[in-house]
Each structure stands twice: as structure tokens, then as C-alpha cells.
């Protein structure tokens, strides 16, 4: 919304960015417009809540905190810097998951009513326990190998002939 301040001599256009935001909805709309590729939701985040898509940086902000941001430009500026950094953090986290062989299903950020920021993600991975043996399984396997190796060594000894010594010592009593 553009307003004009008229004076006797000039018209001074004022952009909507310099206007003070009054409602949480205004702040949310402003953030959505400012950050292309982000998906914003005004809600109180609860564990298990899922929103957005993998193609965007997903951010949910408490309506109470949105209202605080709308009426406090310094607070809004501080959190806008944090929001701008979220995309880089997402890239790093996604690369980390791929390096482990995991697959990202969904992820996002939550800003609570007090301004606390947290990150969530949902991923899938193959069950590494199938590939990795427990210490007990490994010890049992080693025991069986040694036991088998001992049998092989015993077979080897019984197949070889042991010759009697050629020198004989007789004891006289």
C-alpha cells in the first residue's frame, strides 16, 4: 500500500516498507514477500507438526511473536537476519544427511512465542544394525573361528607322522 504525503510544494511517496506493521498477518505477509523460496506459517509449533515442502525453507512463527516483530523494528531486524541464515543451515544439514546415506523427507524451523528458534527434520535411513554386529555377536564369531582353526590344526597334527627318536636312552637301575 503506497501513501502520499502532500505538501504545498511537493508530493512525497512513502513505500509500504517504511510503514509500521500492526498485525501478525501483516508481518507474515511481509516475510513471505521478502524471502523468496521460504514457506512461512503462523502457528504455535507442536512436536510432530509437519508443514511446507522439501523445495523450500519452512518456517513456522508463533502468532504472538509475529505480533512482537510487527511492533518492534529492532526485534524484526534481528530475527530477519536469523531467518536469512536458515537456508544456509538447511543446505548444511541436508548435505550431512546425504553423506550418511539418509534421505530427507521434510524439515523446517520453529520460532516460539518467546523467540526461541529450533530446527526439526524427518528422515529415513537404512537400518545400520543389520550391517554392524553387536559386540556379543562379534565375540561369538571370533570364538567359532578360533575353535574351527583349532580343529584344523589338530587334524594337521594327526595326519603327520611322528617319528621316534633314533637315539635311545636306557636307564639302568
C-alpha atoms as a PDB file:
ATOM      1  CA  UNK A   1       0.000   0.000   0.000  1.00  0.00           C
ATOM      2  CA  UNK A   2       1.512   3.328  -1.025  1.00  0.00           C
ATOM      3  CA  UNK A   3       0.598   6.517   0.732  1.00  0.00           C
ATOM      4  CA  UNK A   4       1.461  10.029  -0.257  1.00  0.00           C
ATOM      5  CA  UNK A   5       2.169  12.923   1.976  1.00  0.00           C
ATOM      6  CA  UNK A   6       1.063  16.112   0.278  1.00  0.00           C
ATOM      7  CA  UNK A   7       2.585  19.436   0.996  1.00  0.00           C
ATOM      8  CA  UNK A   8       2.142  22.774  -0.527  1.00  0.00           C
ATOM      9  CA  UNK A   9       5.154  22.314  -2.749  1.00  0.00           C
ATOM     10  CA  UNK A  10       5.764  18.575  -3.298  1.00  0.00           C
ATOM     11  CA  UNK A  11       4.249  15.098  -3.094  1.00  0.00           C
ATOM     12  CA  UNK A  12       6.456  12.652  -1.187  1.00  0.00           C
ATOM     13  CA  UNK A  13       5.670   8.999  -1.938  1.00  0.00           C
ATOM     14  CA  UNK A  14       6.206   6.697   1.004  1.00  0.00           C
ATOM     15  CA  UNK A  15       6.710   2.990   0.358  1.00  0.00           C
ATOM     16  CA  UNK A  16       4.929   0.317   2.358  1.00  0.00           C
ATOM     17  CA  UNK A  17       8.288  -0.971   3.683  1.00  0.00           C
ATOM     18  CA  UNK A  18       8.701   2.081   5.862  1.00  0.00           C
ATOM     19  CA  UNK A  19       5.214   1.771   7.341  1.00  0.00           C
ATOM     20  CA  UNK A  20       4.942   0.179  10.738  1.00  0.00           C
ATOM     21  CA  UNK A  21       3.414  -3.294  10.647  1.00  0.00           C
ATOM     22  CA  UNK A  22       0.479  -3.631  13.001  1.00  0.00           C
ATOM     23  CA  UNK A  23      -0.687  -7.241  12.899  1.00  0.00           C
ATOM     24  CA  UNK A  24       0.855 -10.687  12.894  1.00  0.00           C
ATOM     25  CA  UNK A  25      -0.737 -11.313   9.488  1.00  0.00           C
ATOM     26  CA  UNK A  26       0.965  -8.194   8.090  1.00  0.00           C
ATOM     27  CA  UNK A  27       4.338  -9.383   9.410  1.00  0.00           C
ATOM     28  CA  UNK A  28       3.843 -12.861   7.968  1.00  0.00           C
ATOM     29  CA  UNK A  29       2.878 -11.432   4.559  1.00  0.00           C
ATOM     30  CA  UNK A  30       5.918  -9.140   4.665  1.00  0.00           C
ATOM     31  CA  UNK A  31       8.287 -12.036   5.436  1.00  0.00           C
ATOM     32  CA  UNK A  32       6.727 -14.207   2.718  1.00  0.00           C
ATOM     33  CA  UNK A  33       7.229 -11.446   0.178  1.00  0.00           C
ATOM     34  CA  UNK A  34      10.785 -10.627   1.323  1.00  0.00           C
ATOM     35  CA  UNK A  35      12.132 -14.199   1.410  1.00  0.00           C
ATOM     36  CA  UNK A  36      11.533 -15.938  -1.884  1.00  0.00           C
ATOM     37  CA  UNK A  37      11.868 -19.708  -1.587  1.00  0.00           C
ATOM     38  CA  UNK A  38      10.751 -19.717   2.046  1.00  0.00           C
ATOM     39  CA  UNK A  39       7.437 -21.052   3.264  1.00  0.00           C
ATOM     40  CA  UNK A  40       6.101 -19.221   6.347  1.00  0.00           C
ATOM     41  CA  UNK A  41       3.317 -20.431   8.621  1.00  0.00           C
ATOM     42  CA  UNK A  42       1.864 -18.535  11.558  1.00  0.00           C
ATOM     43  CA  UNK A  43       1.230 -21.213  14.184  1.00  0.00           C
ATOM     44  CA  UNK A  44       2.317 -22.460  17.583  1.00  0.00           C
ATOM     45  CA  UNK A  45       4.611 -25.312  16.635  1.00  0.00           C
ATOM     46  CA  UNK A  46       3.969 -28.670  18.286  1.00  0.00           C
ATOM     47  CA  UNK A  47       6.150 -31.747  18.093  1.00  0.00           C
ATOM     48  CA  UNK A  48       5.078 -33.895  15.175  1.00  0.00           C
ATOM     49  CA  UNK A  49       3.711 -30.922  13.237  1.00  0.00           C
ATOM     50  CA  UNK A  50       4.722 -31.061   9.584  1.00  0.00           C
ATOM     51  CA  UNK A  51       4.346 -28.276   7.040  1.00  0.00           C
ATOM     52  CA  UNK A  52       5.930 -26.917   3.856  1.00  0.00           C
ATOM     53  CA  UNK A  53       7.888 -28.874   1.276  1.00  0.00           C
ATOM     54  CA  UNK A  54      11.421 -30.079   0.592  1.00  0.00           C
ATOM     55  CA  UNK A  55      11.852 -27.408  -2.064  1.00  0.00           C
ATOM     56  CA  UNK A  56      11.600 -24.501   0.398  1.00  0.00           C
ATOM     57  CA  UNK A  57      12.952 -23.398   3.739  1.00  0.00           C
ATOM     58  CA  UNK A  58       9.973 -23.940   6.047  1.00  0.00           C
ATOM     59  CA  UNK A  59       9.485 -21.573   8.974  1.00  0.00           C
ATOM     60  CA  UNK A  60       6.639 -21.501  11.487  1.00  0.00           C
ATOM     61  CA  UNK A  61       6.393 -18.486  13.751  1.00  0.00           C
ATOM     62  CA  UNK A  62       4.161 -18.140  16.770  1.00  0.00           C
ATOM     63  CA  UNK A  63       1.400 -15.557  16.180  1.00  0.00           C
ATOM     64  CA  UNK A  64       2.318 -13.909  19.499  1.00  0.00           C
ATOM     65  CA  UNK A  65       5.911 -13.486  18.368  1.00  0.00           C
ATOM     66  CA  UNK A  66       4.828 -12.262  14.926  1.00  0.00           C
ATOM     67  CA  UNK A  67       2.881  -9.513  16.702  1.00  0.00           C
ATOM     68  CA  UNK A  68       6.004  -8.574  18.707  1.00  0.00           C
ATOM     69  CA  UNK A  69       8.055  -8.456  15.493  1.00  0.00           C
ATOM     70  CA  UNK A  70       5.396  -6.334  13.775  1.00  0.00           C
ATOM     71  CA  UNK A  71       5.576  -3.696  16.504  1.00  0.00           C
ATOM     72  CA  UNK A  72       9.325  -3.761  17.252  1.00  0.00           C
ATOM     73  CA  UNK A  73      11.513  -2.920  14.222  1.00  0.00           C
ATOM     74  CA  UNK A  74      14.766  -3.781  16.047  1.00  0.00           C
ATOM     75  CA  UNK A  75      13.429  -7.198  17.024  1.00  0.00           C
ATOM     76  CA  UNK A  76      12.150  -7.766  13.485  1.00  0.00           C
ATOM     77  CA  UNK A  77      15.568  -6.847  12.042  1.00  0.00           C
ATOM     78  CA  UNK A  78      17.351  -9.217  14.446  1.00  0.00           C
ATOM     79  CA  UNK A  79      15.102 -12.148  13.525  1.00  0.00           C
ATOM     80  CA  UNK A  80      15.178 -11.363   9.809  1.00  0.00           C
ATOM     81  CA  UNK A  81      18.953 -11.926   9.962  1.00  0.00           C
ATOM     82  CA  UNK A  82      18.321 -15.277  11.649  1.00  0.00           C
ATOM     83  CA  UNK A  83      15.728 -16.215   9.032  1.00  0.00           C
ATOM     84  CA  UNK A  84      18.149 -15.301   6.240  1.00  0.00           C
ATOM     85  CA  UNK A  85      20.712 -17.743   7.718  1.00  0.00           C
ATOM     86  CA  UNK A  86      18.240 -20.619   7.877  1.00  0.00           C
ATOM     87  CA  UNK A  87      18.658 -21.503   4.195  1.00  0.00           C
ATOM     88  CA  UNK A  88      22.433 -21.990   4.615  1.00  0.00           C
ATOM     89  CA  UNK A  89      21.856 -24.139   7.704  1.00  0.00           C
ATOM     90  CA  UNK A  90      19.342 -26.232   5.729  1.00  0.00           C
ATOM     91  CA  UNK A  91      21.909 -26.826   2.970  1.00  0.00           C
ATOM     92  CA  UNK A  92      24.496 -27.956   5.516  1.00  0.00           C
ATOM     93  CA  UNK A  93      22.070 -30.283   7.314  1.00  0.00           C
ATOM     94  CA  UNK A  94      20.831 -31.809   4.044  1.00  0.00           C
ATOM     95  CA  UNK A  95      24.416 -32.426   2.871  1.00  0.00           C
ATOM     96  CA  UNK A  96      25.168 -34.076   6.223  1.00  0.00           C
ATOM     97  CA  UNK A  97      22.176 -36.400   5.895  1.00  0.00           C
ATOM     98  CA  UNK A  98      23.148 -37.383   2.351  1.00  0.00           C
ATOM     99  CA  UNK A  99      26.727 -38.068   3.457  1.00  0.00           C
ATOM    100  CA  UNK A 100      25.369 -40.578   5.997  1.00  0.00           C
ATOM    101  CA  UNK A 101      23.242 -42.197   3.303  1.00  0.00           C
ATOM    102  CA  UNK A 102      19.991 -40.912   4.807  1.00  0.00           C
ATOM    103  CA  UNK A 103      17.087 -39.428   2.853  1.00  0.00           C
ATOM    104  CA  UNK A 104      15.351 -36.219   3.895  1.00  0.00           C
ATOM    105  CA  UNK A 105      11.555 -36.390   3.984  1.00  0.00           C
ATOM    106  CA  UNK A 106      10.827 -32.911   5.401  1.00  0.00           C
ATOM    107  CA  UNK A 107      12.454 -30.249   7.552  1.00  0.00           C
ATOM    108  CA  UNK A 108      11.791 -26.801   8.933  1.00  0.00           C
ATOM    109  CA  UNK A 109      12.255 -24.196  11.619  1.00  0.00           C
ATOM    110  CA  UNK A 110      10.088 -23.037  14.501  1.00  0.00           C
ATOM    111  CA  UNK A 111      10.157 -19.733  16.343  1.00  0.00           C
ATOM    112  CA  UNK A 112       8.160 -19.949  19.567  1.00  0.00           C
ATOM    113  CA  UNK A 113       6.241 -17.225  21.422  1.00  0.00           C
ATOM    114  CA  UNK A 114       9.391 -16.252  23.373  1.00  0.00           C
ATOM    115  CA  UNK A 115      11.603 -16.055  20.272  1.00  0.00           C
ATOM    116  CA  UNK A 116      13.313 -19.410  20.785  1.00  0.00           C
ATOM    117  CA  UNK A 117      14.446 -20.923  17.489  1.00  0.00           C
ATOM    118  CA  UNK A 118      14.550 -24.661  16.888  1.00  0.00           C
ATOM    119  CA  UNK A 119      15.034 -26.869  13.843  1.00  0.00           C
ATOM    120  CA  UNK A 120      13.265 -30.129  13.017  1.00  0.00           C
ATOM    121  CA  UNK A 121      13.743 -32.731  10.322  1.00  0.00           C
ATOM    122  CA  UNK A 122      12.249 -36.046   9.318  1.00  0.00           C
ATOM    123  CA  UNK A 123      14.449 -38.507   7.501  1.00  0.00           C
ATOM    124  CA  UNK A 124      14.699 -42.147   6.598  1.00  0.00           C
ATOM    125  CA  UNK A 125      17.750 -44.355   6.769  1.00  0.00           C
ATOM    126  CA  UNK A 126      18.652 -47.951   6.263  1.00  0.00           C
ATOM    127  CA  UNK A 127      18.926 -49.983   9.427  1.00  0.00           C
ATOM    128  CA  UNK A 128      22.649 -49.986  10.119  1.00  0.00           C
ATOM    129  CA  UNK A 129      22.245 -52.569  12.868  1.00  0.00           C
ATOM    130  CA  UNK A 130      21.820 -55.196  10.213  1.00  0.00           C
ATOM    131  CA  UNK A 131      25.236 -54.283   8.821  1.00  0.00           C
ATOM    132  CA  UNK A 132      27.004 -53.788  12.142  1.00  0.00           C
ATOM    133  CA  UNK A 133      27.397 -56.691  14.533  1.00  0.00           C
ATOM    134  CA  UNK A 134      26.892 -56.341  18.231  1.00  0.00           C
ATOM    135  CA  UNK A 135      29.938 -56.980  20.429  1.00  0.00           C
ATOM    136  CA  UNK A 136      28.419 -60.288  21.569  1.00  0.00           C
ATOM    137  CA  UNK A 137      27.842 -61.464  18.007  1.00  0.00           C
ATOM    138  CA  UNK A 138      31.369 -60.458  17.048  1.00  0.00           C
ATOM    139  CA  UNK A 139      32.882 -62.260  20.056  1.00  0.00           C
ATOM    140  CA  UNK A 140      30.873 -65.422  19.292  1.00  0.00           C
ATOM    141  CA  UNK A 141      32.016 -65.299  15.677  1.00  0.00           C
ATOM    142  CA  UNK A 142      35.661 -64.962  16.745  1.00  0.00           C
ATOM    143  CA  UNK A 143      35.245 -67.839  19.171  1.00  0.00           C
ATOM    144  CA  UNK A 144      33.816 -70.076  16.430  1.00  0.00           C
ATOM    145  CA  UNK A 145      36.648 -69.133  14.050  1.00  0.00           C
ATOM    146  CA  UNK A 146      39.280 -69.930  16.666  1.00  0.00           C
ATOM    147  CA  UNK A 147      37.524 -73.146  17.549  1.00  0.00           C
ATOM    148  CA  UNK A 148      37.465 -74.129  13.845  1.00  0.00           C
ATOM    149  CA  UNK A 149      41.089 -73.102  13.472  1.00  0.00           C
ATOM    150  CA  UNK A 150      41.985 -75.269  16.468  1.00  0.00           C
ATOM    151  CA  UNK A 151      40.250 -78.288  14.885  1.00  0.00           C
ATOM    152  CA  UNK A 152      42.140 -77.705  11.647  1.00  0.00           C
ATOM    153  CA  UNK A 153      45.449 -77.524  13.499  1.00  0.00           C
ATOM    154  CA  UNK A 154      44.596 -80.725  15.408  1.00  0.00           C
ATOM    155  CA  UNK A 155      43.718 -82.518  12.155  1.00  0.00           C
ATOM    156  CA  UNK A 156      47.005 -81.355  10.694  1.00  0.00           C
ATOM    157  CA  UNK A 157      48.928 -82.814  13.621  1.00  0.00           C
ATOM    158  CA  UNK A 158      47.186 -86.180  13.489  1.00  0.00           C
ATOM    159  CA  UNK A 159      47.861 -86.538   9.769  1.00  0.00           C
ATOM    160  CA  UNK A 160      51.577 -86.087  10.169  1.00  0.00           C
ATOM    161  CA  UNK A 161      53.612 -88.994  11.396  1.00  0.00           C
ATOM    162  CA  UNK A 162      55.779 -88.504  14.378  1.00  0.00           C
ATOM    163  CA  UNK A 163      58.954 -90.452  14.156  1.00  0.00           C
ATOM    164  CA  UNK A 164      60.579 -91.936  17.211  1.00  0.00           C
ATOM    165  CA  UNK A 165      63.934 -90.638  18.133  1.00  0.00           C
ATOM    166  CA  UNK A 166      66.775 -92.706  16.780  1.00  0.00           C
ATOM    167  CA  UNK A 167      68.764 -92.435  19.945  1.00  0.00           C
ATOM    168  CA  UNK A 168      67.519 -94.404  22.805  1.00  0.00           C
ATOM    169  CA  UNK A 169      68.417 -93.938  26.357  1.00  0.00           C
ATOM    170  CA  UNK A 170      68.075 -96.873  28.651  1.00  0.00           C
ATOM    171  CA  UNK A 171      68.152 -96.421  32.328  1.00  0.00           C
ATOM    172  CA  UNK A 172      69.980 -98.760  34.486  1.00  0.00           C
ATOM    173  CA  UNK A 173      68.801 -99.077  37.938  1.00  0.00           C
END
